[in-house]
Amino acid sequence: MNTDRIEKKILLHAPLARVWRALVDSTEFGAWFGIRFAGQFVAGSSVHGVITPTTIDADVGNAQKTHEGVAFEIQVEKIEPQRLFSFRWHPGAVDPQKEYSKEPTTLVEFSLEETAEGVLLTVTESGFERIPLERRAKAFADNDQGWTMMVKVIGKYVGQKP
């Protein structure tokens, strides 16, 4: 079993431009993902946000409520139009009493491939084996479960908000 990398795939029945906008527009990303960002996504920049539960899926939104208001930050790595969006973050960084900034980050990549049936979205998060041992297993398990939910949420989002 690979404990360094998570990969989830979903076929989205929406135009490529619509899926792309849901990923790289920070307001739209935040709406389905559950974070209110304080700026736009620009390659090479850090973007601060606050966990704000999603309204796209009630079960996911309810699960996020325990972390509502927690500050959040991502470092945008790459934006390759309608193909790849990636960022780094500190997985599981939800304890406001803990300082995560000195820890290694994981890399989250959203890659898109247009198909005859829609857009194949692949979400990959890698770098868990660099996370401190005392947090590693929980961060991996939580994010594995989280990405399973979030690929479904983006599918709902692009279907509900064309």
N, C-alpha and C. Protein backbone atom coordinates (compact mmCIF):
# COMPACT_ATOMS: atom_id res chain seq x y z
N MET A 1 0.83 -1.19 0.00
CA MET A 1 0.00 0.00 0.00
C MET A 1 0.88 1.25 0.00
N ASN A 2 0.56 2.18 -0.88
CA ASN A 2 1.30 3.44 -0.97
C ASN A 2 0.80 4.40 0.11
N THR A 3 1.68 4.82 0.99
CA THR A 3 1.29 5.75 2.06
C THR A 3 1.85 7.15 1.83
N ASP A 4 2.38 7.39 0.63
CA ASP A 4 2.92 8.71 0.31
C ASP A 4 2.02 9.48 -0.64
N ARG A 5 1.10 8.79 -1.29
CA ARG A 5 0.34 9.40 -2.38
C ARG A 5 -1.12 8.95 -2.37
N ILE A 6 -2.01 9.91 -2.55
CA ILE A 6 -3.44 9.65 -2.69
C ILE A 6 -3.82 10.07 -4.11
N GLU A 7 -4.63 9.25 -4.78
CA GLU A 7 -5.11 9.63 -6.11
C GLU A 7 -6.58 9.27 -6.22
N LYS A 8 -7.38 10.24 -6.66
CA LYS A 8 -8.82 10.06 -6.87
C LYS A 8 -9.15 10.56 -8.26
N LYS A 9 -10.07 9.86 -8.92
CA LYS A 9 -10.51 10.26 -10.26
C LYS A 9 -12.02 10.33 -10.29
N ILE A 10 -12.51 11.27 -11.10
CA ILE A 10 -13.96 11.37 -11.32
C ILE A 10 -14.18 11.90 -12.72
N LEU A 11 -15.18 11.37 -13.40
CA LEU A 11 -15.58 11.87 -14.70
C LEU A 11 -16.67 12.90 -14.46
N LEU A 12 -16.40 14.14 -14.83
CA LEU A 12 -17.34 15.23 -14.62
C LEU A 12 -18.08 15.51 -15.93
N HIS A 13 -19.39 15.57 -15.84
CA HIS A 13 -20.21 15.81 -17.03
C HIS A 13 -20.48 17.31 -17.12
N ALA A 14 -19.43 18.01 -17.50
CA ALA A 14 -19.47 19.46 -17.63
C ALA A 14 -18.39 19.86 -18.62
N PRO A 15 -18.55 21.02 -19.25
CA PRO A 15 -17.51 21.48 -20.18
C PRO A 15 -16.18 21.75 -19.46
N LEU A 16 -15.09 21.57 -20.18
CA LEU A 16 -13.76 21.78 -19.64
C LEU A 16 -13.63 23.18 -19.03
N ALA A 17 -14.11 24.20 -19.71
CA ALA A 17 -14.00 25.57 -19.20
C ALA A 17 -14.72 25.72 -17.86
N ARG A 18 -15.84 25.03 -17.69
CA ARG A 18 -16.60 25.11 -16.44
C ARG A 18 -15.83 24.46 -15.29
N VAL A 19 -15.26 23.29 -15.54
CA VAL A 19 -14.49 22.59 -14.52
C VAL A 19 -13.26 23.42 -14.16
N TRP A 20 -12.60 23.96 -15.16
CA TRP A 20 -11.41 24.75 -14.92
C TRP A 20 -11.72 25.94 -14.02
N ARG A 21 -12.81 26.64 -14.30
CA ARG A 21 -13.20 27.81 -13.50
C ARG A 21 -13.48 27.39 -12.05
N ALA A 22 -14.08 26.24 -11.84
CA ALA A 22 -14.37 25.75 -10.48
C ALA A 22 -13.09 25.46 -9.71
N LEU A 23 -11.99 25.21 -10.42
CA LEU A 23 -10.71 24.92 -9.78
C LEU A 23 -9.87 26.17 -9.53
N VAL A 24 -9.78 27.07 -10.50
CA VAL A 24 -8.81 28.15 -10.39
C VAL A 24 -9.39 29.50 -9.96
N ASP A 25 -10.70 29.63 -9.92
CA ASP A 25 -11.30 30.84 -9.37
C ASP A 25 -11.42 30.59 -7.87
N SER A 26 -10.70 31.36 -7.07
CA SER A 26 -10.64 31.07 -5.62
C SER A 26 -12.00 31.14 -4.94
N THR A 27 -12.90 32.00 -5.44
CA THR A 27 -14.24 32.09 -4.86
C THR A 27 -15.01 30.81 -5.15
N GLU A 28 -14.93 30.34 -6.39
CA GLU A 28 -15.63 29.10 -6.75
C GLU A 28 -15.01 27.89 -6.05
N PHE A 29 -13.68 27.81 -6.05
CA PHE A 29 -13.01 26.70 -5.36
C PHE A 29 -13.46 26.67 -3.89
N GLY A 30 -13.44 27.83 -3.26
CA GLY A 30 -13.84 27.93 -1.86
C GLY A 30 -15.28 27.51 -1.62
N ALA A 31 -16.17 27.81 -2.57
CA ALA A 31 -17.59 27.47 -2.40
C ALA A 31 -17.79 25.96 -2.31
N TRP A 32 -17.16 25.21 -3.20
CA TRP A 32 -17.37 23.75 -3.15
C TRP A 32 -16.46 23.08 -2.13
N PHE A 33 -15.26 23.64 -1.92
CA PHE A 33 -14.30 23.01 -1.03
C PHE A 33 -14.54 23.35 0.44
N GLY A 34 -15.10 24.53 0.69
CA GLY A 34 -15.38 24.91 2.08
C GLY A 34 -14.35 25.83 2.70
N ILE A 35 -13.82 26.78 1.91
CA ILE A 35 -12.85 27.76 2.42
C ILE A 35 -13.16 29.11 1.77
N ARG A 36 -13.19 30.15 2.56
CA ARG A 36 -13.31 31.51 2.02
C ARG A 36 -11.90 32.09 1.92
N PHE A 37 -11.43 32.28 0.68
CA PHE A 37 -10.08 32.77 0.44
C PHE A 37 -10.06 34.30 0.40
N ALA A 38 -8.92 34.87 0.79
CA ALA A 38 -8.75 36.32 0.84
C ALA A 38 -8.12 36.88 -0.42
N GLY A 39 -7.93 36.09 -1.44
CA GLY A 39 -7.33 36.56 -2.68
C GLY A 39 -7.51 35.55 -3.78
N GLN A 40 -7.02 35.90 -4.96
CA GLN A 40 -7.11 35.02 -6.12
C GLN A 40 -5.90 34.08 -6.17
N PHE A 41 -6.06 32.99 -6.90
CA PHE A 41 -4.97 32.04 -7.10
C PHE A 41 -4.04 32.56 -8.20
N VAL A 42 -2.79 32.72 -7.86
CA VAL A 42 -1.75 33.15 -8.79
C VAL A 42 -0.54 32.26 -8.54
N ALA A 43 0.00 31.68 -9.60
CA ALA A 43 1.16 30.80 -9.45
C ALA A 43 2.27 31.53 -8.70
N GLY A 44 2.83 30.84 -7.70
CA GLY A 44 3.92 31.40 -6.91
C GLY A 44 3.46 32.19 -5.69
N SER A 45 2.16 32.32 -5.49
CA SER A 45 1.67 33.12 -4.36
C SER A 45 1.08 32.26 -3.25
N SER A 46 1.03 32.84 -2.06
CA SER A 46 0.33 32.22 -0.93
C SER A 46 -1.03 32.88 -0.83
N VAL A 47 -2.04 32.07 -0.55
CA VAL A 47 -3.40 32.59 -0.41
C VAL A 47 -3.94 32.12 0.93
N HIS A 48 -4.37 33.09 1.73
CA HIS A 48 -4.93 32.79 3.05
C HIS A 48 -6.44 32.60 2.93
N GLY A 49 -6.97 31.79 3.82
CA GLY A 49 -8.40 31.56 3.84
C GLY A 49 -8.85 31.16 5.23
N VAL A 50 -10.16 30.97 5.34
CA VAL A 50 -10.79 30.54 6.58
C VAL A 50 -11.76 29.43 6.22
N ILE A 51 -11.73 28.35 6.99
CA ILE A 51 -12.65 27.24 6.72
C ILE A 51 -14.07 27.74 6.94
N THR A 52 -14.87 27.61 5.88
CA THR A 52 -16.27 28.02 5.86
C THR A 52 -17.02 26.86 5.22
N PRO A 53 -17.77 26.08 5.99
CA PRO A 53 -18.36 24.85 5.46
C PRO A 53 -19.10 25.03 4.14
N THR A 54 -18.89 24.08 3.25
CA THR A 54 -19.56 24.09 1.96
C THR A 54 -21.07 23.93 2.13
N THR A 55 -21.81 24.52 1.21
CA THR A 55 -23.27 24.33 1.18
C THR A 55 -23.67 23.42 0.02
N ILE A 56 -22.70 22.93 -0.72
CA ILE A 56 -22.97 22.09 -1.88
C ILE A 56 -23.40 20.69 -1.47
N ASP A 57 -22.88 20.20 -0.36
CA ASP A 57 -23.23 18.86 0.15
C ASP A 57 -23.40 18.99 1.66
N ALA A 58 -24.61 18.73 2.14
CA ALA A 58 -24.93 18.93 3.56
C ALA A 58 -24.06 18.06 4.47
N ASP A 59 -23.82 16.81 4.11
CA ASP A 59 -23.02 15.93 4.96
C ASP A 59 -21.57 16.44 5.09
N VAL A 60 -21.00 16.87 3.97
CA VAL A 60 -19.63 17.39 4.00
C VAL A 60 -19.60 18.70 4.78
N GLY A 61 -20.56 19.57 4.53
CA GLY A 61 -20.63 20.84 5.25
C GLY A 61 -20.74 20.63 6.75
N ASN A 62 -21.56 19.68 7.17
CA ASN A 62 -21.70 19.38 8.60
C ASN A 62 -20.40 18.86 9.19
N ALA A 63 -19.68 18.03 8.44
CA ALA A 63 -18.40 17.51 8.92
C ALA A 63 -17.37 18.64 9.05
N GLN A 64 -17.46 19.64 8.20
CA GLN A 64 -16.51 20.76 8.23
C GLN A 64 -16.80 21.72 9.38
N LYS A 65 -18.00 21.71 9.92
CA LYS A 65 -18.38 22.67 10.96
C LYS A 65 -17.47 22.62 12.18
N THR A 66 -16.90 21.46 12.49
CA THR A 66 -16.01 21.37 13.66
C THR A 66 -14.75 22.22 13.49
N HIS A 67 -14.42 22.56 12.24
CA HIS A 67 -13.22 23.37 11.97
C HIS A 67 -13.57 24.76 11.44
N GLU A 68 -14.83 25.12 11.47
CA GLU A 68 -15.27 26.42 10.95
C GLU A 68 -14.48 27.55 11.61
N GLY A 69 -14.00 28.48 10.79
CA GLY A 69 -13.26 29.63 11.29
C GLY A 69 -11.77 29.43 11.42
N VAL A 70 -11.28 28.19 11.22
CA VAL A 70 -9.85 27.93 11.33
C VAL A 70 -9.14 28.54 10.13
N ALA A 71 -8.05 29.26 10.39
CA ALA A 71 -7.26 29.88 9.33
C ALA A 71 -6.56 28.81 8.50
N PHE A 72 -6.34 29.12 7.26
CA PHE A 72 -5.87 28.15 6.28
C PHE A 72 -4.98 28.88 5.29
N GLU A 73 -3.99 28.20 4.75
CA GLU A 73 -3.13 28.82 3.73
C GLU A 73 -2.69 27.77 2.72
N ILE A 74 -2.67 28.18 1.46
CA ILE A 74 -2.10 27.34 0.41
C ILE A 74 -1.05 28.16 -0.34
N GLN A 75 -0.07 27.46 -0.90
CA GLN A 75 0.92 28.08 -1.76
C GLN A 75 0.67 27.55 -3.17
N VAL A 76 0.22 28.42 -4.05
CA VAL A 76 -0.12 28.01 -5.41
C VAL A 76 1.18 27.72 -6.16
N GLU A 77 1.26 26.53 -6.72
CA GLU A 77 2.46 26.10 -7.46
C GLU A 77 2.33 26.40 -8.95
N LYS A 78 1.38 25.71 -9.61
CA LYS A 78 1.27 25.82 -11.07
C LYS A 78 -0.18 26.06 -11.47
N ILE A 79 -0.31 26.85 -12.52
CA ILE A 79 -1.60 27.02 -13.19
C ILE A 79 -1.32 26.91 -14.68
N GLU A 80 -1.65 25.75 -15.25
CA GLU A 80 -1.48 25.51 -16.68
C GLU A 80 -2.88 25.42 -17.26
N PRO A 81 -3.35 26.49 -17.92
CA PRO A 81 -4.75 26.62 -18.32
C PRO A 81 -5.39 25.35 -18.87
N GLN A 82 -6.50 25.03 -18.25
CA GLN A 82 -7.39 23.92 -18.60
C GLN A 82 -6.67 22.57 -18.63
N ARG A 83 -5.56 22.48 -17.86
CA ARG A 83 -4.82 21.23 -17.80
C ARG A 83 -4.39 20.86 -16.40
N LEU A 84 -3.79 21.81 -15.65
CA LEU A 84 -3.23 21.49 -14.35
C LEU A 84 -3.29 22.69 -13.40
N PHE A 85 -3.74 22.41 -12.19
CA PHE A 85 -3.70 23.39 -11.11
C PHE A 85 -3.11 22.66 -9.92
N SER A 86 -2.10 23.27 -9.28
CA SER A 86 -1.49 22.60 -8.13
C SER A 86 -1.15 23.60 -7.04
N PHE A 87 -1.17 23.09 -5.81
CA PHE A 87 -0.77 23.91 -4.67
C PHE A 87 -0.17 23.03 -3.59
N ARG A 88 0.50 23.68 -2.65
CA ARG A 88 1.05 23.00 -1.47
C ARG A 88 0.28 23.47 -0.26
N TRP A 89 0.18 22.58 0.73
CA TRP A 89 -0.46 22.93 1.98
C TRP A 89 0.03 22.00 3.08
N HIS A 90 -0.39 22.33 4.28
CA HIS A 90 -0.09 21.48 5.43
C HIS A 90 -1.33 20.62 5.69
N PRO A 91 -1.27 19.32 5.37
CA PRO A 91 -2.45 18.48 5.53
C PRO A 91 -2.84 18.34 7.00
N GLY A 92 -4.13 18.43 7.24
CA GLY A 92 -4.63 18.25 8.61
C GLY A 92 -4.25 19.37 9.56
N ALA A 93 -3.93 20.53 9.03
CA ALA A 93 -3.49 21.65 9.87
C ALA A 93 -4.69 22.41 10.42
N VAL A 94 -5.43 21.77 11.32
CA VAL A 94 -6.66 22.36 11.83
C VAL A 94 -6.63 22.68 13.32
N ASP A 95 -5.55 22.38 14.00
CA ASP A 95 -5.45 22.70 15.43
C ASP A 95 -4.88 24.11 15.56
N PRO A 96 -5.72 25.09 15.99
CA PRO A 96 -5.24 26.47 16.06
C PRO A 96 -4.12 26.68 17.09
N GLN A 97 -3.90 25.72 17.98
CA GLN A 97 -2.86 25.82 18.99
C GLN A 97 -1.50 25.31 18.50
N LYS A 98 -1.48 24.69 17.32
CA LYS A 98 -0.24 24.09 16.81
C LYS A 98 0.33 24.94 15.67
N GLU A 99 1.63 25.04 15.65
CA GLU A 99 2.35 25.77 14.60
C GLU A 99 2.80 24.78 13.53
N TYR A 100 2.24 24.89 12.33
CA TYR A 100 2.54 23.95 11.25
C TYR A 100 3.57 24.50 10.25
N SER A 101 3.89 25.78 10.32
CA SER A 101 4.68 26.42 9.27
C SER A 101 6.06 25.81 9.08
N LYS A 102 6.62 25.17 10.07
CA LYS A 102 7.96 24.58 9.95
C LYS A 102 7.91 23.16 9.37
N GLU A 103 6.71 22.59 9.27
CA GLU A 103 6.58 21.23 8.74
C GLU A 103 6.61 21.24 7.21
N PRO A 104 7.01 20.11 6.61
CA PRO A 104 6.92 19.99 5.15
C PRO A 104 5.45 20.03 4.71
N THR A 105 5.25 20.39 3.47
CA THR A 105 3.91 20.42 2.89
C THR A 105 3.71 19.22 1.98
N THR A 106 2.48 18.98 1.63
CA THR A 106 2.18 18.01 0.57
C THR A 106 1.81 18.80 -0.68
N LEU A 107 1.87 18.15 -1.83
CA LEU A 107 1.53 18.75 -3.11
C LEU A 107 0.20 18.19 -3.56
N VAL A 108 -0.75 19.08 -3.84
CA VAL A 108 -2.06 18.70 -4.35
C VAL A 108 -2.12 19.12 -5.81
N GLU A 109 -2.45 18.17 -6.69
CA GLU A 109 -2.54 18.45 -8.12
C GLU A 109 -3.90 18.06 -8.66
N PHE A 110 -4.49 18.96 -9.42
CA PHE A 110 -5.75 18.70 -10.12
C PHE A 110 -5.40 18.70 -11.60
N SER A 111 -5.49 17.53 -12.23
CA SER A 111 -5.22 17.47 -13.67
C SER A 111 -6.51 17.14 -14.40
N LEU A 112 -6.65 17.76 -15.57
CA LEU A 112 -7.86 17.62 -16.36
C LEU A 112 -7.55 16.99 -17.71
N GLU A 113 -8.45 16.11 -18.13
CA GLU A 113 -8.33 15.50 -19.45
C GLU A 113 -9.73 15.47 -20.06
N GLU A 114 -9.86 16.12 -21.21
CA GLU A 114 -11.15 16.14 -21.89
C GLU A 114 -11.38 14.79 -22.56
N THR A 115 -12.58 14.24 -22.38
CA THR A 115 -12.95 12.98 -23.01
C THR A 115 -14.27 13.18 -23.76
N ALA A 116 -14.70 12.17 -24.49
CA ALA A 116 -15.97 12.25 -25.21
C ALA A 116 -17.15 12.37 -24.25
N GLU A 117 -16.99 11.84 -23.03
CA GLU A 117 -18.09 11.83 -22.06
C GLU A 117 -18.08 13.04 -21.12
N GLY A 118 -16.99 13.80 -21.10
CA GLY A 118 -16.88 14.93 -20.18
C GLY A 118 -15.42 15.21 -19.87
N VAL A 119 -15.16 15.55 -18.63
CA VAL A 119 -13.80 15.88 -18.21
C VAL A 119 -13.37 14.91 -17.11
N LEU A 120 -12.26 14.25 -17.33
CA LEU A 120 -11.70 13.37 -16.31
C LEU A 120 -10.82 14.22 -15.40
N LEU A 121 -11.22 14.33 -14.15
CA LEU A 121 -10.45 15.05 -13.14
C LEU A 121 -9.69 14.04 -12.30
N THR A 122 -8.39 14.23 -12.19
CA THR A 122 -7.56 13.41 -11.32
C THR A 122 -7.00 14.32 -10.25
N VAL A 123 -7.26 13.98 -9.00
CA VAL A 123 -6.72 14.71 -7.85
C VAL A 123 -5.67 13.83 -7.22
N THR A 124 -4.46 14.37 -7.10
CA THR A 124 -3.35 13.64 -6.50
C THR A 124 -2.76 14.48 -5.38
N GLU A 125 -2.56 13.87 -4.23
CA GLU A 125 -1.84 14.53 -3.14
C GLU A 125 -0.66 13.64 -2.78
N SER A 126 0.53 14.22 -2.78
CA SER A 126 1.72 13.43 -2.52
C SER A 126 2.64 14.16 -1.53
N GLY A 127 3.51 13.37 -0.91
CA GLY A 127 4.48 13.91 0.03
C GLY A 127 4.19 13.61 1.48
N PHE A 128 3.30 12.67 1.75
CA PHE A 128 2.93 12.35 3.13
C PHE A 128 4.08 11.76 3.92
N GLU A 129 5.01 11.08 3.26
CA GLU A 129 6.10 10.45 4.00
C GLU A 129 7.08 11.46 4.58
N ARG A 130 6.92 12.73 4.22
CA ARG A 130 7.75 13.79 4.80
C ARG A 130 7.07 14.43 6.02
N ILE A 131 5.80 14.15 6.21
CA ILE A 131 5.05 14.71 7.35
C ILE A 131 5.57 14.07 8.63
N PRO A 132 5.66 14.83 9.73
CA PRO A 132 6.14 14.25 10.99
C PRO A 132 5.38 12.96 11.34
N LEU A 133 6.14 11.98 11.78
CA LEU A 133 5.60 10.65 12.05
C LEU A 133 4.36 10.68 12.94
N GLU A 134 4.35 11.54 13.96
CA GLU A 134 3.21 11.55 14.89
C GLU A 134 1.91 12.04 14.23
N ARG A 135 2.01 12.71 13.08
CA ARG A 135 0.82 13.20 12.38
C ARG A 135 0.55 12.46 11.06
N ARG A 136 1.52 11.74 10.58
CA ARG A 136 1.47 11.20 9.22
C ARG A 136 0.28 10.29 8.95
N ALA A 137 0.06 9.27 9.74
CA ALA A 137 -1.00 8.29 9.47
C ALA A 137 -2.38 8.96 9.49
N LYS A 138 -2.61 9.82 10.47
CA LYS A 138 -3.91 10.50 10.56
C LYS A 138 -4.11 11.45 9.38
N ALA A 139 -3.07 12.21 9.02
CA ALA A 139 -3.18 13.13 7.89
C ALA A 139 -3.49 12.37 6.60
N PHE A 140 -2.81 11.25 6.40
CA PHE A 140 -3.05 10.45 5.20
C PHE A 140 -4.47 9.89 5.19
N ALA A 141 -4.89 9.28 6.29
CA ALA A 141 -6.23 8.68 6.35
C ALA A 141 -7.32 9.74 6.19
N ASP A 142 -7.16 10.86 6.89
CA ASP A 142 -8.16 11.92 6.80
C ASP A 142 -8.25 12.47 5.38
N ASN A 143 -7.11 12.69 4.74
CA ASN A 143 -7.14 13.26 3.39
C ASN A 143 -7.59 12.24 2.36
N ASP A 144 -7.28 10.98 2.56
CA ASP A 144 -7.79 9.94 1.65
C ASP A 144 -9.32 9.96 1.68
N GLN A 145 -9.88 9.98 2.86
CA GLN A 145 -11.34 10.04 3.00
C GLN A 145 -11.86 11.39 2.48
N GLY A 146 -11.15 12.46 2.79
CA GLY A 146 -11.57 13.79 2.37
C GLY A 146 -11.63 13.93 0.86
N TRP A 147 -10.60 13.46 0.16
CA TRP A 147 -10.61 13.57 -1.30
C TRP A 147 -11.68 12.70 -1.93
N THR A 148 -12.00 11.57 -1.31
CA THR A 148 -13.11 10.75 -1.81
C THR A 148 -14.40 11.56 -1.79
N MET A 149 -14.61 12.32 -0.71
CA MET A 149 -15.80 13.17 -0.60
C MET A 149 -15.72 14.36 -1.54
N MET A 150 -14.57 15.00 -1.61
CA MET A 150 -14.47 16.25 -2.36
C MET A 150 -14.58 16.08 -3.87
N VAL A 151 -14.15 14.96 -4.42
CA VAL A 151 -14.35 14.78 -5.86
C VAL A 151 -15.84 14.67 -6.17
N LYS A 152 -16.61 14.10 -5.25
CA LYS A 152 -18.06 14.04 -5.44
C LYS A 152 -18.67 15.43 -5.31
N VAL A 153 -18.15 16.22 -4.38
CA VAL A 153 -18.68 17.57 -4.17
C VAL A 153 -18.42 18.45 -5.39
N ILE A 154 -17.23 18.39 -5.98
CA ILE A 154 -17.00 19.20 -7.18
C ILE A 154 -17.91 18.74 -8.32
N GLY A 155 -18.18 17.44 -8.38
CA GLY A 155 -19.10 16.93 -9.39
C GLY A 155 -20.48 17.54 -9.22
N LYS A 156 -20.96 17.59 -7.98
CA LYS A 156 -22.25 18.24 -7.70
C LYS A 156 -22.19 19.71 -8.05
N TYR A 157 -21.11 20.36 -7.67
CA TYR A 157 -20.97 21.80 -7.87
C TYR A 157 -21.05 22.19 -9.34
N VAL A 158 -20.26 21.54 -10.19
CA VAL A 158 -20.27 21.91 -11.61
C VAL A 158 -21.58 21.52 -12.26
N GLY A 159 -22.28 20.54 -11.69
CA GLY A 159 -23.60 20.17 -12.21
C GLY A 159 -24.70 21.14 -11.80
N GLN A 160 -24.61 21.68 -10.57
CA GLN A 160 -25.62 22.60 -10.04
C GLN A 160 -25.42 24.02 -10.51
N LYS A 161 -24.18 24.41 -10.73
CA LYS A 161 -23.86 25.82 -11.04
C LYS A 161 -23.11 25.89 -12.38
N PRO A 162 -23.86 25.74 -13.45
CA PRO A 162 -23.22 25.71 -14.78
C PRO A 162 -22.52 27.00 -15.17
